[in-house]
N, C-alpha and C. Protein backbone atom coordinates (compact mmCIF):
# COMPACT_ATOMS: atom_id res chain seq x y z
N MET A 1 0.76 -1.24 0.02
CA MET A 1 0.08 -0.08 0.07
C MET A 1 0.79 1.16 -0.03
N LEU A 2 1.72 1.49 0.70
CA LEU A 2 2.92 2.57 0.84
C LEU A 2 3.58 2.48 -0.75
N LYS A 3 3.88 1.51 -1.24
CA LYS A 3 4.44 1.56 -2.55
C LYS A 3 3.65 2.25 -3.38
N LYS A 4 2.07 2.05 -3.59
CA LYS A 4 1.24 2.80 -4.45
C LYS A 4 0.93 4.32 -4.07
N ILE A 5 1.09 4.56 -2.97
CA ILE A 5 1.17 5.81 -2.50
C ILE A 5 2.27 6.55 -3.18
N PHE A 6 3.53 5.93 -2.78
CA PHE A 6 4.62 6.61 -2.96
C PHE A 6 4.96 6.96 -4.51
N ALA A 7 4.35 5.79 -5.42
CA ALA A 7 4.33 5.81 -6.76
C ALA A 7 3.70 6.85 -7.34
N ILE A 8 2.01 6.90 -6.85
CA ILE A 8 1.27 8.13 -7.17
C ILE A 8 1.63 9.33 -6.96
N GLY A 9 2.38 9.58 -5.70
CA GLY A 9 3.27 11.01 -5.42
C GLY A 9 3.96 11.25 -6.39
N ILE A 10 4.89 10.40 -6.86
CA ILE A 10 5.97 10.70 -7.51
C ILE A 10 5.17 10.81 -8.78
N LEU A 11 4.60 10.32 -9.27
CA LEU A 11 3.93 10.45 -10.59
C LEU A 11 3.13 11.83 -10.59
N GLY A 12 2.50 12.45 -9.51
CA GLY A 12 1.92 13.44 -9.33
C GLY A 12 2.88 14.82 -9.63
N THR A 13 4.18 14.40 -8.74
CA THR A 13 5.00 15.43 -8.70
C THR A 13 5.59 15.66 -10.31
N ALA A 14 5.58 14.56 -10.85
CA ALA A 14 6.40 14.69 -12.51
C ALA A 14 5.53 15.78 -13.20
N ILE A 15 3.93 15.25 -13.04
CA ILE A 15 3.04 15.85 -13.94
C ILE A 15 2.87 17.46 -13.56
N ALA A 16 2.93 17.54 -12.23
CA ALA A 16 3.25 19.10 -11.73
C ALA A 16 4.33 19.91 -12.38
N LEU A 17 5.60 19.58 -12.03
CA LEU A 17 6.52 20.11 -12.64
C LEU A 17 6.62 20.07 -14.11
N THR A 18 6.11 18.94 -14.89
CA THR A 18 6.26 19.51 -16.40
C THR A 18 5.19 20.69 -16.57
N GLY A 19 3.99 20.66 -16.04
CA GLY A 19 3.12 21.59 -16.18
C GLY A 19 3.58 23.12 -16.04
N CYS A 20 4.65 23.19 -15.41
CA CYS A 20 5.32 24.54 -14.45
C CYS A 20 6.31 25.13 -15.96
N GLU A 21 6.48 24.26 -17.03
CA GLU A 21 7.47 24.93 -17.88
C GLU A 21 6.79 26.08 -18.65
N THR A 22 8.09 27.11 -18.91
CA THR A 22 7.48 28.36 -19.13
C THR A 22 7.27 28.26 -20.84
N THR A 23 6.36 29.17 -21.12
CA THR A 23 5.96 29.26 -22.50
C THR A 23 6.59 30.92 -22.94
N PRO A 24 6.92 30.89 -24.11
CA PRO A 24 7.04 32.61 -24.60
C PRO A 24 5.95 33.40 -24.29
N SER A 25 6.27 34.24 -23.95
CA SER A 25 5.05 35.40 -23.82
C SER A 25 4.90 35.81 -25.35
N ALA A 26 3.57 36.46 -25.31
CA ALA A 26 2.98 37.22 -26.56
C ALA A 26 3.71 38.06 -27.04
N SER A 27 4.19 39.05 -26.18
CA SER A 27 5.16 39.97 -26.59
C SER A 27 6.63 39.61 -27.11
N ALA A 28 7.21 38.55 -26.70
CA ALA A 28 8.34 37.83 -27.35
C ALA A 28 8.29 37.43 -28.45
N THR A 29 6.83 36.70 -28.95
CA THR A 29 6.79 36.20 -30.10
C THR A 29 6.36 37.22 -31.18
N ILE A 30 6.11 38.16 -30.74
CA ILE A 30 5.77 39.57 -31.86
C ILE A 30 7.02 40.20 -31.89
N GLU A 31 7.99 40.28 -31.24
CA GLU A 31 9.23 41.11 -31.44
C GLU A 31 9.98 39.92 -32.16
N THR A 32 10.19 38.81 -32.09
CA THR A 32 10.83 37.91 -33.07
C THR A 32 10.12 37.79 -34.38
N ALA A 33 8.67 38.07 -34.52
CA ALA A 33 8.27 38.25 -35.78
C ALA A 33 8.92 39.25 -36.53
N ASN A 34 8.86 40.34 -36.01
CA ASN A 34 8.86 41.73 -36.16
C ASN A 34 10.63 41.76 -36.64
N LEU A 35 11.30 41.16 -35.98
CA LEU A 35 12.64 41.14 -36.37
C LEU A 35 12.91 40.21 -37.58
N VAL A 36 12.50 39.08 -37.47
CA VAL A 36 12.55 38.22 -38.63
C VAL A 36 12.16 38.94 -40.10
N GLN A 37 11.32 39.53 -39.86
CA GLN A 37 10.72 40.45 -41.01
C GLN A 37 11.51 41.84 -41.52
N LEU A 38 12.12 42.14 -40.39
CA LEU A 38 12.94 43.75 -40.86
C LEU A 38 14.42 43.21 -41.21
N GLN A 39 14.81 41.97 -40.67
CA GLN A 39 16.41 41.68 -40.86
C GLN A 39 16.38 40.66 -42.05
N ASN A 40 17.74 40.77 -42.77
CA ASN A 40 18.02 39.93 -43.98
C ASN A 40 17.56 40.11 -45.04
N ARG A 41 17.12 41.18 -45.38
CA ARG A 41 16.41 41.29 -46.69
C ARG A 41 16.98 43.02 -46.99
N SER A 42 16.61 43.14 -48.38
CA SER A 42 17.01 44.42 -49.10
C SER A 42 15.54 45.23 -48.91
N TRP A 43 15.72 46.53 -48.44
CA TRP A 43 14.80 47.50 -48.40
C TRP A 43 15.01 48.69 -49.53
N ILE A 44 14.06 48.93 -50.32
CA ILE A 44 14.14 49.79 -51.41
C ILE A 44 13.15 50.76 -50.73
N ALA A 45 14.05 52.01 -50.82
CA ALA A 45 13.05 53.30 -50.41
C ALA A 45 12.03 53.87 -51.43
N THR A 46 10.87 53.92 -50.90
CA THR A 46 9.99 54.43 -52.00
C THR A 46 9.33 55.95 -51.66
N HIS A 47 9.32 56.22 -50.35
CA HIS A 47 8.82 57.58 -49.84
C HIS A 47 9.66 58.34 -48.75
N ILE A 48 9.96 59.35 -49.00
CA ILE A 48 10.83 60.43 -47.78
C ILE A 48 9.35 61.32 -47.15
N GLY A 49 8.88 60.69 -45.84
CA GLY A 49 7.51 61.47 -45.43
C GLY A 49 6.58 60.99 -46.52
N ASN A 50 5.84 62.05 -46.89
CA ASN A 50 4.90 61.59 -47.90
C ASN A 50 5.03 61.70 -49.35
N THR A 51 6.49 62.26 -49.68
CA THR A 51 7.05 62.37 -51.07
C THR A 51 7.82 60.97 -51.74
N ALA A 52 6.91 60.77 -52.59
CA ALA A 52 7.28 59.41 -53.70
C ALA A 52 8.93 59.87 -54.02
N ILE A 53 9.71 58.74 -53.73
CA ILE A 53 11.15 58.93 -54.50
C ILE A 53 11.01 58.39 -55.90
N LYS A 54 11.59 59.07 -56.80
CA LYS A 54 11.47 58.41 -58.25
C LYS A 54 13.02 58.66 -58.48
N THR A 55 13.45 57.14 -58.98
CA THR A 55 14.66 57.06 -59.14
C THR A 55 14.81 55.94 -60.36
N ALA A 56 15.61 56.24 -60.94
CA ALA A 56 15.59 55.05 -62.53
C ALA A 56 16.30 53.78 -62.16
N PRO A 57 15.65 52.80 -62.61
CA PRO A 57 16.12 51.39 -62.01
C PRO A 57 17.40 51.20 -62.63
N THR A 58 18.47 51.81 -63.49
CA THR A 58 19.74 51.53 -63.67
C THR A 58 20.52 52.80 -62.94
N ALA A 59 20.06 53.51 -61.93
CA ALA A 59 20.55 54.50 -61.28
C ALA A 59 21.49 53.93 -60.12
N HIS A 60 22.76 54.26 -60.18
CA HIS A 60 23.68 54.07 -58.71
C HIS A 60 23.25 54.14 -57.48
N ASN A 61 23.54 53.35 -56.48
CA ASN A 61 23.03 53.85 -55.17
C ASN A 61 21.69 54.16 -55.20
N ILE A 62 20.67 53.39 -55.53
CA ILE A 62 19.15 53.73 -54.98
C ILE A 62 19.14 53.79 -53.55
N PRO A 63 18.28 54.38 -53.33
CA PRO A 63 18.26 54.69 -51.45
C PRO A 63 17.59 53.39 -50.95
N SER A 64 18.23 52.85 -50.17
CA SER A 64 17.80 51.53 -49.70
C SER A 64 18.78 51.29 -48.38
N LEU A 65 18.43 49.92 -47.80
CA LEU A 65 18.68 49.79 -46.25
C LEU A 65 18.61 48.12 -46.29
N GLN A 66 19.53 47.69 -45.75
CA GLN A 66 19.89 46.09 -45.11
C GLN A 66 20.09 46.26 -43.85
N PHE A 67 19.45 45.47 -42.95
CA PHE A 67 19.58 44.98 -41.49
C PHE A 67 20.42 43.47 -41.32
N ASP A 68 21.68 43.43 -40.99
CA ASP A 68 22.20 42.05 -40.77
C ASP A 68 21.80 41.79 -39.40
N ALA A 69 21.16 40.54 -39.26
CA ALA A 69 20.72 40.14 -38.11
C ALA A 69 21.87 39.67 -37.20
N ILE A 70 23.01 39.06 -37.61
CA ILE A 70 24.25 38.34 -37.09
C ILE A 70 25.06 39.54 -36.24
N THR A 71 25.48 40.69 -37.39
CA THR A 71 26.44 41.37 -37.06
C THR A 71 25.88 42.56 -36.38
N LYS A 72 24.31 42.78 -36.84
CA LYS A 72 23.73 44.10 -36.23
C LYS A 72 24.10 45.17 -36.85
N ARG A 73 24.60 45.31 -38.01
CA ARG A 73 24.80 46.21 -38.76
C ARG A 73 23.98 46.39 -39.92
N VAL A 74 23.90 47.73 -40.24
CA VAL A 74 22.87 48.41 -41.28
C VAL A 74 23.86 49.07 -42.44
N SER A 75 23.29 48.68 -43.65
CA SER A 75 24.13 49.17 -44.98
C SER A 75 23.22 49.59 -45.70
N GLY A 76 23.49 50.37 -46.90
CA GLY A 76 22.62 50.80 -47.81
C GLY A 76 23.23 51.68 -48.51
N ALA A 77 22.24 52.64 -49.31
CA ALA A 77 22.70 53.87 -49.94
C ALA A 77 21.28 55.10 -49.91
N ASP A 78 22.04 56.12 -49.64
CA ASP A 78 20.93 57.53 -49.68
C ASP A 78 20.39 57.86 -50.87
N GLY A 79 21.08 57.47 -51.92
CA GLY A 79 20.59 58.00 -53.34
C GLY A 79 21.78 58.57 -53.93
N CYS A 80 22.95 58.55 -53.19
CA CYS A 80 24.13 58.93 -53.60
C CYS A 80 25.20 58.29 -53.06
N ASN A 81 25.54 58.16 -51.85
CA ASN A 81 26.85 57.83 -51.13
C ASN A 81 26.05 56.19 -50.42
N ARG A 82 27.16 55.53 -50.06
CA ARG A 82 26.91 54.30 -49.59
C ARG A 82 26.86 54.58 -48.05
N ILE A 83 25.79 54.14 -47.21
CA ILE A 83 25.73 54.50 -45.81
C ILE A 83 26.07 53.04 -45.11
N MET A 84 26.51 53.06 -43.74
CA MET A 84 26.74 52.18 -42.81
C MET A 84 26.55 52.56 -41.60
N GLY A 85 26.32 51.37 -40.53
CA GLY A 85 26.60 51.71 -39.33
C GLY A 85 25.95 50.53 -38.46
N SER A 86 25.28 50.76 -37.31
CA SER A 86 24.83 49.60 -36.42
C SER A 86 23.40 49.93 -36.10
N TYR A 87 22.89 48.94 -35.61
CA TYR A 87 21.44 49.09 -35.02
C TYR A 87 21.04 48.05 -33.91
N ALA A 88 20.06 48.73 -33.03
CA ALA A 88 19.39 47.98 -32.18
C ALA A 88 17.72 47.93 -32.35
N ALA A 89 17.41 46.67 -32.30
CA ALA A 89 15.98 46.76 -32.79
C ALA A 89 15.10 45.79 -31.90
N GLY A 90 13.99 46.64 -31.06
CA GLY A 90 13.28 45.60 -30.37
C GLY A 90 11.81 45.40 -31.16
N ARG A 91 10.63 45.19 -30.28
CA ARG A 91 9.50 44.94 -30.49
C ARG A 91 9.25 45.82 -31.91
N ASP A 92 9.25 47.31 -31.31
CA ASP A 92 9.16 48.18 -32.31
C ASP A 92 9.71 49.02 -32.65
N THR A 93 11.03 49.26 -31.64
CA THR A 93 11.76 50.05 -31.52
C THR A 93 13.08 50.20 -32.53
N LEU A 94 13.63 51.17 -33.06
CA LEU A 94 14.87 51.11 -33.70
C LEU A 94 15.65 52.16 -33.47
N VAL A 95 17.02 51.94 -33.06
CA VAL A 95 18.17 52.81 -32.83
C VAL A 95 19.00 52.65 -33.94
N LEU A 96 19.35 53.61 -34.68
CA LEU A 96 20.63 53.65 -35.89
C LEU A 96 21.53 54.44 -34.90
N SER A 97 22.99 53.90 -35.09
CA SER A 97 24.13 54.53 -34.36
C SER A 97 25.20 54.50 -35.35
N GLN A 98 26.26 55.04 -35.04
CA GLN A 98 27.55 55.16 -35.52
C GLN A 98 27.23 55.28 -37.17
N MET A 99 26.53 56.08 -37.88
CA MET A 99 26.23 55.97 -39.11
C MET A 99 27.17 56.75 -39.72
N ALA A 100 27.81 56.51 -40.82
CA ALA A 100 28.59 56.99 -41.62
C ALA A 100 28.66 56.77 -43.16
N GLY A 101 29.23 57.19 -43.76
CA GLY A 101 29.09 57.29 -45.39
C GLY A 101 30.37 57.57 -46.46
N THR A 102 29.92 57.45 -47.74
CA THR A 102 30.90 57.75 -48.57
C THR A 102 30.79 59.43 -48.76
N LYS A 103 31.59 60.04 -49.43
CA LYS A 103 31.29 61.29 -49.86
C LYS A 103 31.56 61.85 -50.98
N MET A 104 30.60 60.97 -52.07
CA MET A 104 30.97 61.38 -53.53
C MET A 104 30.34 62.70 -53.80
N ALA A 105 30.55 63.31 -54.91
CA ALA A 105 29.78 64.40 -55.57
C ALA A 105 28.81 63.84 -56.61
N CYS A 106 27.39 64.43 -56.23
CA CYS A 106 26.23 63.91 -56.82
C CYS A 106 25.97 64.88 -57.67
N LEU A 107 25.71 65.03 -59.03
CA LEU A 107 25.40 66.32 -59.62
C LEU A 107 23.82 66.32 -59.92
N GLU A 108 23.30 65.17 -59.83
CA GLU A 108 21.66 65.14 -59.94
C GLU A 108 20.69 66.26 -59.14
N ASN A 109 20.01 66.79 -59.56
CA ASN A 109 19.10 68.03 -58.92
C ASN A 109 18.10 67.25 -57.97
N ASN A 110 17.63 66.13 -58.36
CA ASN A 110 16.56 65.49 -57.67
C ASN A 110 17.18 64.48 -56.60
N ASN A 111 18.37 64.72 -56.22
CA ASN A 111 18.99 63.78 -55.58
C ASN A 111 18.43 63.69 -53.86
N PRO A 112 17.74 62.48 -53.31
CA PRO A 112 16.97 62.54 -52.17
C PRO A 112 18.16 62.44 -50.88
N SER A 113 19.51 62.44 -51.09
CA SER A 113 20.40 61.87 -50.13
C SER A 113 20.43 62.74 -48.92
N GLU A 114 20.00 64.15 -48.86
CA GLU A 114 20.24 65.08 -47.82
C GLU A 114 18.86 64.76 -46.91
N GLN A 115 17.63 64.92 -47.68
CA GLN A 115 16.26 64.09 -46.87
C GLN A 115 16.44 62.90 -46.10
N PHE A 116 17.09 62.17 -46.74
CA PHE A 116 16.96 60.54 -46.47
C PHE A 116 18.14 60.55 -45.35
N ASN A 117 18.88 61.13 -45.32
CA ASN A 117 19.66 61.09 -44.25
C ASN A 117 19.60 61.82 -43.05
N ALA A 118 18.68 63.00 -43.37
CA ALA A 118 18.10 63.74 -42.28
C ALA A 118 17.03 62.83 -41.53
N ALA A 119 15.96 62.10 -42.18
CA ALA A 119 15.12 61.55 -41.75
C ALA A 119 15.45 60.27 -40.95
N LEU A 120 16.76 59.67 -41.48
CA LEU A 120 17.53 58.57 -40.71
C LEU A 120 18.08 58.89 -39.37
N ALA A 121 18.24 59.91 -39.29
CA ALA A 121 18.85 60.46 -37.98
C ALA A 121 17.63 60.63 -36.86
N LYS A 122 16.44 60.81 -37.21
CA LYS A 122 15.36 60.91 -36.27
C LYS A 122 14.46 59.52 -36.07
N VAL A 123 14.96 58.39 -36.61
CA VAL A 123 14.21 57.25 -36.72
C VAL A 123 14.20 56.91 -35.04
N ALA A 124 13.13 56.36 -34.64
CA ALA A 124 13.05 55.65 -33.23
C ALA A 124 12.05 54.54 -33.29
N HIS A 125 11.30 54.25 -34.41
CA HIS A 125 10.48 53.03 -34.44
C HIS A 125 10.23 52.63 -35.53
N TYR A 126 9.80 51.37 -35.70
CA TYR A 126 9.68 50.88 -37.13
C TYR A 126 8.30 49.89 -37.00
N GLN A 127 7.92 49.71 -38.14
CA GLN A 127 6.73 48.84 -38.53
C GLN A 127 6.78 47.95 -39.87
N VAL A 128 6.66 46.78 -39.75
CA VAL A 128 7.13 45.83 -40.84
C VAL A 128 5.46 45.24 -41.24
N PHE A 129 5.15 45.33 -42.19
CA PHE A 129 3.89 44.36 -42.76
C PHE A 129 4.37 43.67 -44.18
N GLY A 130 4.71 42.34 -43.97
CA GLY A 130 4.83 41.97 -45.16
C GLY A 130 5.97 42.62 -45.98
N LYS A 131 5.82 43.08 -47.26
CA LYS A 131 7.24 43.72 -48.08
C LYS A 131 7.19 45.07 -47.95
N THR A 132 6.61 45.86 -46.72
CA THR A 132 6.60 47.11 -46.56
C THR A 132 7.03 47.59 -45.01
N LEU A 133 8.25 48.48 -44.97
CA LEU A 133 8.64 48.58 -43.81
C LEU A 133 8.50 50.44 -43.60
N LYS A 134 8.16 50.66 -42.34
CA LYS A 134 8.02 52.18 -42.20
C LYS A 134 8.93 52.66 -41.04
N LEU A 135 9.73 53.56 -41.01
CA LEU A 135 10.77 53.76 -40.30
C LEU A 135 9.92 54.98 -39.69
N LEU A 136 9.71 55.24 -38.33
CA LEU A 136 8.95 56.33 -37.56
C LEU A 136 9.85 57.28 -36.84
N ASP A 137 9.42 58.37 -36.40
CA ASP A 137 9.99 59.03 -35.37
C ASP A 137 9.43 58.72 -34.10
N ARG A 138 9.77 59.41 -32.84
CA ARG A 138 9.42 59.25 -31.71
C ARG A 138 7.79 59.39 -31.61
N TYR A 139 7.44 60.19 -32.53
CA TYR A 139 6.02 60.34 -32.38
C TYR A 139 5.06 59.68 -33.19
N GLY A 140 5.59 58.70 -33.80
CA GLY A 140 4.82 58.01 -34.73
C GLY A 140 4.49 58.32 -36.07
N ASN A 141 5.31 59.32 -36.46
CA ASN A 141 5.04 60.06 -37.94
C ASN A 141 6.04 59.01 -38.86
N VAL A 142 5.45 58.75 -40.05
CA VAL A 142 6.45 58.25 -40.94
C VAL A 142 7.53 59.18 -41.63
N LEU A 143 9.12 58.59 -41.38
CA LEU A 143 9.71 59.38 -42.18
C LEU A 143 10.17 58.66 -43.48
N LEU A 144 10.42 57.31 -43.11
CA LEU A 144 10.84 56.62 -44.48
C LEU A 144 9.96 55.63 -44.80
N GLN A 145 9.47 55.32 -46.07
CA GLN A 145 8.91 53.92 -46.34
C GLN A 145 9.58 52.95 -47.37
N PHE A 146 9.57 51.88 -47.51
CA PHE A 146 10.72 51.17 -47.80
C PHE A 146 9.50 50.06 -48.30
N THR A 147 9.95 49.29 -49.46
CA THR A 147 9.31 47.99 -50.09
C THR A 147 10.67 47.01 -50.23
N SER A 148 10.22 45.78 -49.99
CA SER A 148 11.22 44.41 -50.25
C SER A 148 10.48 43.85 -51.35
N PRO A 149 11.65 43.86 -52.69
CA PRO A 149 11.33 43.29 -53.73
C PRO A 149 11.14 41.69 -53.39
N VAL A 150 11.67 40.89 -52.79
CA VAL A 150 12.12 39.62 -52.45
C VAL A 150 11.77 39.28 -51.09
N GLN A 151 11.95 37.91 -50.86
CA GLN A 151 11.37 37.36 -49.63
C GLN A 151 12.78 36.93 -48.95
N PRO A 152 12.66 37.09 -47.63
CA PRO A 152 13.72 37.14 -46.72
C PRO A 152 14.65 35.66 -47.00
N ARG A 153 16.10 35.99 -46.83
CA ARG A 153 16.63 34.65 -46.86
C ARG A 153 16.66 33.53 -46.01
């Protein structure tokens, strides 16, 4: 009789301990999903604020960004120069730091590089929906909008 009670006690304890395993929170799941969508793909800029960016498909250094998940580095182009730096991203927060770029002389009048870099300096948040990325300021205003022509790697 004592053996049966002991066996039931051990079985009950094992079931109770198995049920106490932690599960990921909804917040952690959303953060992971957002980061997966943000990172390791090319983002081509389509708008600075509410203004559409018009670039020829053959143009060099089309305004774009790429976020590398492993190195936490951001790279791309501002419409004239190559740019690079580091980033830290959370559920919806994005901090770009140590941004640097080349200093080429760009002669085109409609070059968006100055506006693009000014907008990047104000980025505090991001939103990703499928193939659309929006970089937002701390008040939630859209600074830059991008599209991704390909699926993530």
